[in-house]
Amino acid sequence: MSSQVDQHRHIALVTGYREEIKWNYFEINIEQIISFYKFTVNIQHKIMGKIVVALIICLLIGCADNYDFKRAREVSEKGVQLIKDGNYQELTKLYSYDFSNSETPERREEKLKKIIDATGEIKEIKLIDTAGVKLNENYEAMFRYKLFCTHVNVIGYFSVIKEKGDYYISKIRIEQELGE
């Protein structure tokens, strides 16, 4: 009998040892799997970041070939300056076809005069930021200006599109500056 008990003890020891080895191996595999997962997620983030940067560069290169943001900025600056000077007749020459036909020049001039009456004379103009957006096959540049006026400062938004090979203002929006 003692040989049988010894044999069972031996089997139990061996089996227990094997299970312990399997358990340790399982823990190592879990740690390796977690480590590998973290590694792959890190690589995926790096790769996705590089892909996003590459797409932005491609978009900018594509925009640069078809749209001259410098020329668009010049048109928006001229538009802001004409509003400051009160030269609304000259301003209408900078309007895109759709913007020009959306309401009469007299009506738009009347609106701009009311805004200038409420805000006071424009003393200073400062470009705050710009953005470019692709609309179908066309690009639109949006320029945001801070207009320092005698009564209240306002923000002016000017959108410029390329139409028939030249640049025109497609939208003007003037709002009271938030926080005042």
N, C-alpha and C. Protein backbone atom coordinates (compact mmCIF):
# COMPACT_ATOMS: atom_id res chain seq x y z
N MET A 1 0.79 -1.17 0.00
CA MET A 1 0.00 0.00 0.00
C MET A 1 0.84 1.25 0.00
N SER A 2 1.88 1.24 0.71
CA SER A 2 2.72 2.42 0.76
C SER A 2 3.26 2.74 -0.62
N SER A 3 3.52 1.77 -1.41
CA SER A 3 4.00 2.06 -2.76
C SER A 3 2.91 2.69 -3.59
N GLN A 4 1.66 2.31 -3.34
CA GLN A 4 0.56 2.91 -4.07
C GLN A 4 0.37 4.37 -3.63
N VAL A 5 0.47 4.65 -2.34
CA VAL A 5 0.33 6.02 -1.82
C VAL A 5 1.47 6.87 -2.36
N ASP A 6 2.67 6.32 -2.33
CA ASP A 6 3.80 7.05 -2.88
C ASP A 6 3.59 7.35 -4.35
N GLN A 7 3.04 6.38 -5.04
CA GLN A 7 2.78 6.58 -6.46
C GLN A 7 1.76 7.71 -6.66
N HIS A 8 0.67 7.74 -5.83
CA HIS A 8 -0.34 8.79 -5.93
C HIS A 8 0.26 10.15 -5.56
N ARG A 9 1.09 10.15 -4.51
CA ARG A 9 1.74 11.41 -4.12
C ARG A 9 2.62 11.90 -5.26
N HIS A 10 3.33 11.00 -5.85
CA HIS A 10 4.20 11.35 -6.95
C HIS A 10 3.38 11.92 -8.11
N ILE A 11 2.25 11.28 -8.43
CA ILE A 11 1.39 11.76 -9.52
C ILE A 11 0.82 13.13 -9.15
N ALA A 12 0.37 13.26 -7.88
CA ALA A 12 -0.19 14.55 -7.44
C ALA A 12 0.85 15.64 -7.51
N LEU A 13 2.04 15.34 -7.07
CA LEU A 13 3.11 16.33 -7.14
C LEU A 13 3.42 16.71 -8.57
N VAL A 14 3.52 15.68 -9.39
CA VAL A 14 3.83 15.93 -10.81
C VAL A 14 2.70 16.68 -11.47
N THR A 15 1.47 16.26 -11.22
CA THR A 15 0.32 16.92 -11.83
C THR A 15 0.20 18.36 -11.34
N GLY A 16 0.33 18.54 -10.04
CA GLY A 16 0.28 19.89 -9.48
C GLY A 16 1.35 20.77 -10.05
N TYR A 17 2.51 20.24 -10.21
CA TYR A 17 3.62 20.98 -10.77
C TYR A 17 3.32 21.36 -12.21
N ARG A 18 2.73 20.39 -12.95
CA ARG A 18 2.39 20.67 -14.35
C ARG A 18 1.32 21.75 -14.43
N GLU A 19 0.31 21.67 -13.53
CA GLU A 19 -0.73 22.69 -13.54
C GLU A 19 -0.14 24.05 -13.18
N GLU A 20 0.80 24.05 -12.25
CA GLU A 20 1.46 25.29 -11.88
C GLU A 20 2.24 25.84 -13.06
N ILE A 21 2.90 24.96 -13.76
CA ILE A 21 3.64 25.38 -14.96
C ILE A 21 2.67 25.92 -16.00
N LYS A 22 1.53 25.24 -16.22
CA LYS A 22 0.55 25.71 -17.19
C LYS A 22 0.00 27.07 -16.75
N TRP A 23 -0.28 27.23 -15.47
CA TRP A 23 -0.82 28.50 -14.97
C TRP A 23 0.19 29.63 -15.17
N ASN A 24 1.43 29.40 -14.85
CA ASN A 24 2.47 30.41 -15.06
C ASN A 24 2.61 30.73 -16.54
N TYR A 25 2.53 29.73 -17.37
CA TYR A 25 2.62 29.93 -18.82
C TYR A 25 1.43 30.77 -19.29
N PHE A 26 0.24 30.49 -18.74
CA PHE A 26 -0.95 31.24 -19.10
C PHE A 26 -0.80 32.70 -18.69
N GLU A 27 -0.29 32.98 -17.49
CA GLU A 27 -0.06 34.36 -17.05
C GLU A 27 0.93 35.07 -17.95
N ILE A 28 1.97 34.39 -18.31
CA ILE A 28 2.96 34.98 -19.21
C ILE A 28 2.31 35.31 -20.55
N ASN A 29 1.49 34.40 -21.06
CA ASN A 29 0.83 34.65 -22.33
C ASN A 29 -0.12 35.84 -22.24
N ILE A 30 -0.86 35.98 -21.14
CA ILE A 30 -1.75 37.13 -20.97
C ILE A 30 -0.93 38.41 -20.96
N GLU A 31 0.16 38.44 -20.22
CA GLU A 31 1.01 39.63 -20.18
C GLU A 31 1.58 39.94 -21.56
N GLN A 32 1.98 38.90 -22.28
CA GLN A 32 2.51 39.11 -23.63
C GLN A 32 1.42 39.62 -24.56
N ILE A 33 0.23 39.08 -24.41
CA ILE A 33 -0.89 39.53 -25.26
C ILE A 33 -1.20 41.00 -24.97
N ILE A 34 -1.28 41.37 -23.70
CA ILE A 34 -1.56 42.76 -23.33
C ILE A 34 -0.45 43.66 -23.83
N SER A 35 0.79 43.24 -23.66
CA SER A 35 1.93 44.02 -24.12
C SER A 35 1.88 44.18 -25.64
N PHE A 36 1.58 43.11 -26.34
CA PHE A 36 1.50 43.15 -27.80
C PHE A 36 0.35 44.07 -28.24
N TYR A 37 -0.79 43.99 -27.55
CA TYR A 37 -1.94 44.83 -27.86
C TYR A 37 -1.58 46.30 -27.70
N LYS A 38 -0.95 46.65 -26.58
CA LYS A 38 -0.53 48.04 -26.36
C LYS A 38 0.44 48.49 -27.44
N PHE A 39 1.35 47.61 -27.82
CA PHE A 39 2.33 47.92 -28.85
C PHE A 39 1.62 48.18 -30.18
N THR A 40 0.67 47.31 -30.56
CA THR A 40 -0.01 47.48 -31.85
C THR A 40 -0.91 48.71 -31.84
N VAL A 41 -1.58 48.99 -30.71
CA VAL A 41 -2.41 50.18 -30.63
C VAL A 41 -1.54 51.43 -30.77
N ASN A 42 -0.38 51.43 -30.14
CA ASN A 42 0.55 52.56 -30.22
C ASN A 42 0.99 52.76 -31.67
N ILE A 43 1.32 51.68 -32.34
CA ILE A 43 1.74 51.76 -33.75
C ILE A 43 0.58 52.25 -34.62
N GLN A 44 -0.64 51.76 -34.34
CA GLN A 44 -1.80 52.20 -35.12
C GLN A 44 -2.00 53.70 -34.97
N HIS A 45 -1.86 54.22 -33.75
CA HIS A 45 -2.01 55.66 -33.55
C HIS A 45 -0.94 56.44 -34.30
N LYS A 46 0.28 55.94 -34.27
CA LYS A 46 1.36 56.63 -34.99
C LYS A 46 1.11 56.61 -36.49
N ILE A 47 0.69 55.45 -36.99
CA ILE A 47 0.42 55.33 -38.43
C ILE A 47 -0.75 56.22 -38.83
N MET A 48 -1.84 56.19 -38.04
CA MET A 48 -3.00 57.02 -38.36
C MET A 48 -2.63 58.50 -38.32
N GLY A 49 -1.80 58.90 -37.36
CA GLY A 49 -1.35 60.28 -37.29
C GLY A 49 -0.60 60.69 -38.54
N LYS A 50 0.27 59.79 -39.01
CA LYS A 50 1.03 60.08 -40.24
C LYS A 50 0.11 60.12 -41.45
N ILE A 51 -0.90 59.26 -41.48
CA ILE A 51 -1.84 59.25 -42.60
C ILE A 51 -2.63 60.56 -42.61
N VAL A 52 -3.08 61.01 -41.45
CA VAL A 52 -3.83 62.26 -41.37
C VAL A 52 -2.97 63.43 -41.83
N VAL A 53 -1.73 63.48 -41.38
CA VAL A 53 -0.82 64.55 -41.81
C VAL A 53 -0.63 64.50 -43.32
N ALA A 54 -0.45 63.30 -43.87
CA ALA A 54 -0.27 63.16 -45.31
C ALA A 54 -1.51 63.63 -46.07
N LEU A 55 -2.70 63.31 -45.56
CA LEU A 55 -3.93 63.75 -46.22
C LEU A 55 -4.07 65.27 -46.18
N ILE A 56 -3.72 65.87 -45.06
CA ILE A 56 -3.79 67.33 -44.95
C ILE A 56 -2.82 67.97 -45.94
N ILE A 57 -1.62 67.43 -46.04
CA ILE A 57 -0.64 67.96 -46.99
C ILE A 57 -1.15 67.83 -48.42
N CYS A 58 -1.73 66.67 -48.74
CA CYS A 58 -2.29 66.48 -50.09
C CYS A 58 -3.41 67.47 -50.36
N LEU A 59 -4.26 67.70 -49.37
CA LEU A 59 -5.34 68.65 -49.53
C LEU A 59 -4.81 70.05 -49.77
N LEU A 60 -3.80 70.44 -48.99
CA LEU A 60 -3.22 71.77 -49.16
C LEU A 60 -2.55 71.92 -50.52
N ILE A 61 -1.87 70.88 -50.95
CA ILE A 61 -1.22 70.94 -52.27
C ILE A 61 -2.29 71.04 -53.36
N GLY A 62 -3.37 70.27 -53.20
CA GLY A 62 -4.46 70.34 -54.17
C GLY A 62 -5.10 71.71 -54.20
N CYS A 63 -5.29 72.31 -53.02
CA CYS A 63 -5.88 73.65 -52.95
C CYS A 63 -4.94 74.68 -53.54
N ALA A 64 -3.67 74.51 -53.30
CA ALA A 64 -2.69 75.50 -53.76
C ALA A 64 -2.65 75.55 -55.28
N ASP A 65 -2.89 74.43 -55.95
CA ASP A 65 -2.85 74.42 -57.42
C ASP A 65 -4.02 75.17 -58.02
N ASN A 66 -5.19 75.11 -57.37
CA ASN A 66 -6.40 75.66 -57.96
C ASN A 66 -6.85 76.97 -57.36
N TYR A 67 -6.37 77.31 -56.23
CA TYR A 67 -6.90 78.46 -55.51
C TYR A 67 -5.75 79.26 -54.92
N ASP A 68 -5.74 80.55 -55.19
CA ASP A 68 -4.70 81.44 -54.70
C ASP A 68 -5.22 82.17 -53.45
N PHE A 69 -4.86 81.64 -52.28
CA PHE A 69 -5.35 82.21 -51.03
C PHE A 69 -4.83 83.64 -50.82
N LYS A 70 -3.67 83.93 -51.34
CA LYS A 70 -3.13 85.28 -51.20
C LYS A 70 -4.01 86.27 -51.96
N ARG A 71 -4.41 85.89 -53.17
CA ARG A 71 -5.28 86.75 -53.98
C ARG A 71 -6.66 86.89 -53.31
N ALA A 72 -7.16 85.78 -52.76
CA ALA A 72 -8.45 85.82 -52.06
C ALA A 72 -8.38 86.76 -50.85
N ARG A 73 -7.27 86.73 -50.14
CA ARG A 73 -7.10 87.61 -48.99
C ARG A 73 -7.08 89.07 -49.42
N GLU A 74 -6.42 89.35 -50.53
CA GLU A 74 -6.37 90.71 -51.04
C GLU A 74 -7.78 91.23 -51.35
N VAL A 75 -8.61 90.35 -51.93
CA VAL A 75 -9.99 90.75 -52.25
C VAL A 75 -10.77 91.02 -50.97
N SER A 76 -10.62 90.15 -49.96
CA SER A 76 -11.36 90.36 -48.71
C SER A 76 -10.88 91.65 -48.02
N GLU A 77 -9.57 91.89 -48.03
CA GLU A 77 -9.05 93.12 -47.41
C GLU A 77 -9.56 94.37 -48.14
N LYS A 78 -9.64 94.28 -49.45
CA LYS A 78 -10.16 95.41 -50.22
C LYS A 78 -11.63 95.64 -49.87
N GLY A 79 -12.38 94.55 -49.72
CA GLY A 79 -13.79 94.67 -49.34
C GLY A 79 -13.97 95.33 -47.98
N VAL A 80 -13.18 94.92 -47.01
CA VAL A 80 -13.25 95.51 -45.67
C VAL A 80 -12.90 96.99 -45.74
N GLN A 81 -11.87 97.32 -46.48
CA GLN A 81 -11.43 98.71 -46.61
C GLN A 81 -12.51 99.56 -47.29
N LEU A 82 -13.18 99.01 -48.30
CA LEU A 82 -14.25 99.76 -48.97
C LEU A 82 -15.42 100.01 -48.04
N ILE A 83 -15.73 99.05 -47.16
CA ILE A 83 -16.78 99.28 -46.16
C ILE A 83 -16.34 100.37 -45.20
N LYS A 84 -15.10 100.32 -44.77
CA LYS A 84 -14.57 101.35 -43.86
C LYS A 84 -14.67 102.74 -44.50
N ASP A 85 -14.34 102.81 -45.79
CA ASP A 85 -14.36 104.09 -46.50
C ASP A 85 -15.78 104.52 -46.90
N GLY A 86 -16.74 103.59 -46.80
CA GLY A 86 -18.11 103.90 -47.20
C GLY A 86 -18.31 103.90 -48.70
N ASN A 87 -17.42 103.25 -49.43
CA ASN A 87 -17.48 103.21 -50.89
C ASN A 87 -18.23 101.93 -51.32
N TYR A 88 -19.55 101.97 -51.16
CA TYR A 88 -20.37 100.77 -51.40
C TYR A 88 -20.54 100.47 -52.90
N GLN A 89 -20.47 101.50 -53.73
CA GLN A 89 -20.59 101.29 -55.17
C GLN A 89 -19.41 100.45 -55.69
N GLU A 90 -18.23 100.79 -55.22
CA GLU A 90 -17.03 100.04 -55.62
C GLU A 90 -17.06 98.62 -55.04
N LEU A 91 -17.63 98.50 -53.85
CA LEU A 91 -17.72 97.20 -53.18
C LEU A 91 -18.55 96.21 -54.00
N THR A 92 -19.60 96.70 -54.64
CA THR A 92 -20.46 95.79 -55.43
C THR A 92 -19.70 95.13 -56.58
N LYS A 93 -18.63 95.74 -57.04
CA LYS A 93 -17.82 95.15 -58.11
C LYS A 93 -17.06 93.91 -57.63
N LEU A 94 -16.91 93.76 -56.31
CA LEU A 94 -16.20 92.61 -55.75
C LEU A 94 -17.13 91.43 -55.45
N TYR A 95 -18.44 91.60 -55.64
CA TYR A 95 -19.39 90.54 -55.30
C TYR A 95 -19.42 89.45 -56.35
N SER A 96 -19.58 88.22 -55.90
CA SER A 96 -19.77 87.10 -56.83
C SER A 96 -21.14 87.24 -57.50
N TYR A 97 -21.35 86.48 -58.54
CA TYR A 97 -22.62 86.55 -59.28
C TYR A 97 -23.81 86.26 -58.38
N ASP A 98 -23.75 85.18 -57.63
CA ASP A 98 -24.87 84.80 -56.76
C ASP A 98 -25.09 85.83 -55.65
N PHE A 99 -24.01 86.30 -55.04
CA PHE A 99 -24.12 87.27 -53.95
C PHE A 99 -24.68 88.58 -54.48
N SER A 100 -24.25 88.98 -55.65
CA SER A 100 -24.71 90.22 -56.26
C SER A 100 -26.20 90.16 -56.58
N ASN A 101 -26.68 88.99 -56.99
CA ASN A 101 -28.08 88.85 -57.38
C ASN A 101 -29.00 88.43 -56.23
N SER A 102 -28.46 88.19 -55.05
CA SER A 102 -29.31 87.76 -53.94
C SER A 102 -30.17 88.90 -53.39
N GLU A 103 -29.72 90.14 -53.55
CA GLU A 103 -30.52 91.31 -53.21
C GLU A 103 -29.97 92.52 -53.96
N THR A 104 -30.74 93.56 -54.02
CA THR A 104 -30.32 94.74 -54.79
C THR A 104 -29.15 95.44 -54.12
N PRO A 105 -28.30 96.09 -54.90
CA PRO A 105 -27.17 96.83 -54.33
C PRO A 105 -27.64 97.91 -53.34
N GLU A 106 -28.79 98.53 -53.63
CA GLU A 106 -29.32 99.56 -52.74
C GLU A 106 -29.69 98.98 -51.38
N ARG A 107 -30.31 97.81 -51.41
CA ARG A 107 -30.73 97.15 -50.17
C ARG A 107 -29.51 96.75 -49.33
N ARG A 108 -28.48 96.20 -49.99
CA ARG A 108 -27.27 95.79 -49.27
C ARG A 108 -26.53 97.02 -48.72
N GLU A 109 -26.48 98.08 -49.51
CA GLU A 109 -25.84 99.32 -49.05
C GLU A 109 -26.58 99.88 -47.83
N GLU A 110 -27.90 99.83 -47.87
CA GLU A 110 -28.71 100.30 -46.75
C GLU A 110 -28.40 99.49 -45.48
N LYS A 111 -28.28 98.18 -45.62
CA LYS A 111 -27.95 97.33 -44.46
C LYS A 111 -26.58 97.68 -43.90
N LEU A 112 -25.58 97.83 -44.77
CA LEU A 112 -24.23 98.16 -44.31
C LEU A 112 -24.19 99.52 -43.63
N LYS A 113 -24.93 100.48 -44.16
CA LYS A 113 -24.98 101.81 -43.54
C LYS A 113 -25.60 101.74 -42.14
N LYS A 114 -26.64 100.94 -41.98
CA LYS A 114 -27.27 100.77 -40.66
C LYS A 114 -26.29 100.16 -39.67
N ILE A 115 -25.53 99.19 -40.14
CA ILE A 115 -24.54 98.55 -39.26
C ILE A 115 -23.48 99.57 -38.85
N ILE A 116 -22.98 100.34 -39.81
CA ILE A 116 -21.95 101.35 -39.51
C ILE A 116 -22.51 102.44 -38.59
N ASP A 117 -23.78 102.81 -38.79
CA ASP A 117 -24.40 103.79 -37.89
C ASP A 117 -24.46 103.25 -36.45
N ALA A 118 -24.76 101.98 -36.30
CA ALA A 118 -24.88 101.37 -34.97
C ALA A 118 -23.52 101.17 -34.30
N THR A 119 -22.53 100.76 -35.09
CA THR A 119 -21.21 100.44 -34.52
C THR A 119 -20.31 101.67 -34.42
N GLY A 120 -20.59 102.65 -35.23
CA GLY A 120 -19.72 103.82 -35.31
C GLY A 120 -18.69 103.60 -36.41
N GLU A 121 -17.93 104.62 -36.66
CA GLU A 121 -16.91 104.59 -37.71
C GLU A 121 -15.86 103.51 -37.40
N ILE A 122 -15.43 102.82 -38.45
CA ILE A 122 -14.38 101.80 -38.29
C ILE A 122 -13.05 102.51 -38.17
N LYS A 123 -12.37 102.31 -37.05
CA LYS A 123 -11.08 102.95 -36.79
C LYS A 123 -9.90 102.07 -37.19
N GLU A 124 -10.06 100.76 -36.95
CA GLU A 124 -8.95 99.84 -37.21
C GLU A 124 -9.51 98.49 -37.65
N ILE A 125 -8.74 97.81 -38.50
CA ILE A 125 -9.12 96.49 -39.00
C ILE A 125 -7.99 95.53 -38.68
N LYS A 126 -8.34 94.37 -38.12
CA LYS A 126 -7.32 93.38 -37.80
C LYS A 126 -7.80 91.99 -38.25
N LEU A 127 -6.99 91.33 -39.08
CA LEU A 127 -7.31 89.96 -39.50
C LEU A 127 -7.09 89.02 -38.33
N ILE A 128 -8.13 88.26 -37.98
CA ILE A 128 -8.04 87.33 -36.85
C ILE A 128 -7.62 85.95 -37.31
N ASP A 129 -8.33 85.39 -38.29
CA ASP A 129 -7.95 84.08 -38.82
C ASP A 129 -8.57 83.84 -40.19
N THR A 130 -8.11 82.75 -40.79
CA THR A 130 -8.58 82.37 -42.12
C THR A 130 -8.85 80.87 -42.14
N ALA A 131 -9.67 80.47 -43.09
CA ALA A 131 -9.95 79.04 -43.28
C ALA A 131 -10.29 78.82 -44.74
N GLY A 132 -9.96 77.66 -45.24
CA GLY A 132 -10.30 77.30 -46.61
C GLY A 132 -11.18 76.07 -46.61
N VAL A 133 -12.21 76.08 -47.44
CA VAL A 133 -13.16 74.98 -47.50
C VAL A 133 -13.38 74.61 -48.95
N LYS A 134 -13.45 73.33 -49.24
CA LYS A 134 -13.75 72.89 -50.60
C LYS A 134 -15.25 72.67 -50.71
N LEU A 135 -15.87 73.37 -51.64
CA LEU A 135 -17.30 73.24 -51.91
C LEU A 135 -17.45 72.67 -53.31
N ASN A 136 -17.87 71.41 -53.39
CA ASN A 136 -17.97 70.70 -54.67
C ASN A 136 -16.63 70.79 -55.39
N GLU A 137 -16.59 71.44 -56.51
CA GLU A 137 -15.34 71.58 -57.26
C GLU A 137 -14.65 72.90 -56.97
N ASN A 138 -15.29 73.77 -56.21
CA ASN A 138 -14.75 75.10 -55.94
C ASN A 138 -14.22 75.19 -54.51
N TYR A 139 -13.37 76.15 -54.30
CA TYR A 139 -12.85 76.43 -52.98
C TYR A 139 -13.39 77.75 -52.50
N GLU A 140 -13.53 77.87 -51.18
CA GLU A 140 -13.98 79.11 -50.59
C GLU A 140 -13.05 79.42 -49.43
N ALA A 141 -12.51 80.63 -49.42
CA ALA A 141 -11.68 81.07 -48.31
C ALA A 141 -12.53 81.97 -47.44
N MET A 142 -12.39 81.77 -46.14
CA MET A 142 -13.17 82.57 -45.19
C MET A 142 -12.19 83.35 -44.32
N PHE A 143 -12.39 84.65 -44.27
CA PHE A 143 -11.51 85.55 -43.51
C PHE A 143 -12.33 86.21 -42.40
N ARG A 144 -11.77 86.20 -41.20
CA ARG A 144 -12.45 86.80 -40.06
C ARG A 144 -11.62 87.99 -39.58
N TYR A 145 -12.28 89.14 -39.54
CA TYR A 145 -11.63 90.38 -39.14
C TYR A 145 -12.27 90.92 -37.87
N LYS A 146 -11.45 91.54 -37.05
CA LYS A 146 -11.99 92.31 -35.93
C LYS A 146 -11.99 93.76 -36.38
N LEU A 147 -13.16 94.37 -36.31
CA LEU A 147 -13.32 95.75 -36.72
C LEU A 147 -13.48 96.60 -35.46
N PHE A 148 -12.50 97.44 -35.21
CA PHE A 148 -12.53 98.31 -34.05
C PHE A 148 -13.27 99.58 -34.45
N CYS A 149 -14.46 99.76 -33.88
CA CYS A 149 -15.32 100.89 -34.23
C CYS A 149 -15.43 101.85 -33.05
N THR A 150 -15.98 103.02 -33.32
CA THR A 150 -16.06 104.04 -32.26
C THR A 150 -17.04 103.67 -31.16
N HIS A 151 -18.15 103.00 -31.49
CA HIS A 151 -19.15 102.64 -30.48
C HIS A 151 -18.97 101.23 -29.93
N VAL A 152 -18.82 100.28 -30.80
CA VAL A 152 -18.73 98.87 -30.39
C VAL A 152 -17.88 98.11 -31.42
N ASN A 153 -17.04 97.22 -30.93
CA ASN A 153 -16.22 96.40 -31.85
C ASN A 153 -17.07 95.25 -32.39
N VAL A 154 -16.81 94.90 -33.63
CA VAL A 154 -17.56 93.82 -34.28
C VAL A 154 -16.59 92.87 -34.98
N ILE A 155 -17.13 91.72 -35.34
CA ILE A 155 -16.38 90.73 -36.11
C ILE A 155 -16.99 90.67 -37.50
N GLY A 156 -16.15 90.78 -38.51
CA GLY A 156 -16.60 90.72 -39.89
C GLY A 156 -16.10 89.44 -40.55
N TYR A 157 -17.02 88.71 -41.17
CA TYR A 157 -16.69 87.47 -41.87
C TYR A 157 -16.83 87.73 -43.37
N PHE A 158 -15.78 87.44 -44.11
CA PHE A 158 -15.79 87.63 -45.56
C PHE A 158 -15.40 86.31 -46.23
N SER A 159 -16.29 85.80 -47.06
CA SER A 159 -16.01 84.58 -47.81
C SER A 159 -15.68 84.97 -49.24
N VAL A 160 -14.63 84.35 -49.78
CA VAL A 160 -14.17 84.67 -51.13
C VAL A 160 -14.10 83.39 -51.94
N ILE A 161 -14.68 83.43 -53.14
CA ILE A 161 -14.64 82.27 -54.03
C ILE A 161 -13.96 82.67 -55.34
N LYS A 162 -13.53 81.65 -56.07
CA LYS A 162 -12.98 81.87 -57.40
C LYS A 162 -14.11 81.60 -58.39
N GLU A 163 -14.38 82.60 -59.21
CA GLU A 163 -15.49 82.50 -60.16
C GLU A 163 -15.03 83.05 -61.50
N LYS A 164 -15.12 82.24 -62.52
CA LYS A 164 -14.71 82.63 -63.87
C LYS A 164 -13.27 83.15 -63.90
N GLY A 165 -12.41 82.50 -63.12
CA GLY A 165 -10.99 82.81 -63.14
C GLY A 165 -10.56 83.96 -62.24
N ASP A 166 -11.51 84.64 -61.58
CA ASP A 166 -11.15 85.74 -60.69
C ASP A 166 -11.77 85.50 -59.32
N TYR A 167 -11.43 86.32 -58.36
CA TYR A 167 -11.86 86.14 -56.97
C TYR A 167 -12.89 87.19 -56.59
N TYR A 168 -13.96 86.71 -55.96
CA TYR A 168 -15.07 87.58 -55.60
C TYR A 168 -15.57 87.25 -54.20
N ILE A 169 -16.16 88.26 -53.56
CA ILE A 169 -16.76 88.07 -52.24
C ILE A 169 -18.10 87.37 -52.43
N SER A 170 -18.28 86.25 -51.74
CA SER A 170 -19.52 85.50 -51.86
C SER A 170 -20.43 85.65 -50.64
N LYS A 171 -19.90 86.22 -49.57
CA LYS A 171 -20.67 86.38 -48.34
C LYS A 171 -20.00 87.43 -47.46
N ILE A 172 -20.83 88.25 -46.83
CA ILE A 172 -20.34 89.19 -45.82
C ILE A 172 -21.28 89.05 -44.62
N ARG A 173 -20.69 88.86 -43.46
CA ARG A 173 -21.49 88.79 -42.23
C ARG A 173 -20.77 89.60 -41.16
N ILE A 174 -21.50 90.49 -40.52
CA ILE A 174 -20.91 91.31 -39.46
C ILE A 174 -21.72 91.07 -38.19
N GLU A 175 -21.01 90.70 -37.12
CA GLU A 175 -21.67 90.38 -35.85
C GLU A 175 -20.99 91.14 -34.72
N GLN A 176 -21.75 91.36 -33.67
CA GLN A 176 -21.16 91.98 -32.48
C GLN A 176 -20.18 91.00 -31.87
N GLU A 177 -19.07 91.50 -31.41
CA GLU A 177 -18.06 90.65 -30.80
C GLU A 177 -18.62 90.07 -29.50
N LEU A 178 -18.47 88.77 -29.31
CA LEU A 178 -18.94 88.13 -28.08
C LEU A 178 -18.10 88.59 -26.91
N GLY A 179 -18.72 88.69 -25.76
CA GLY A 179 -17.98 89.08 -24.57
C GLY A 179 -18.08 90.56 -24.29
N GLU A 180 -18.74 91.28 -25.14
CA GLU A 180 -18.89 92.71 -24.89
C GLU A 180 -20.24 93.00 -24.28
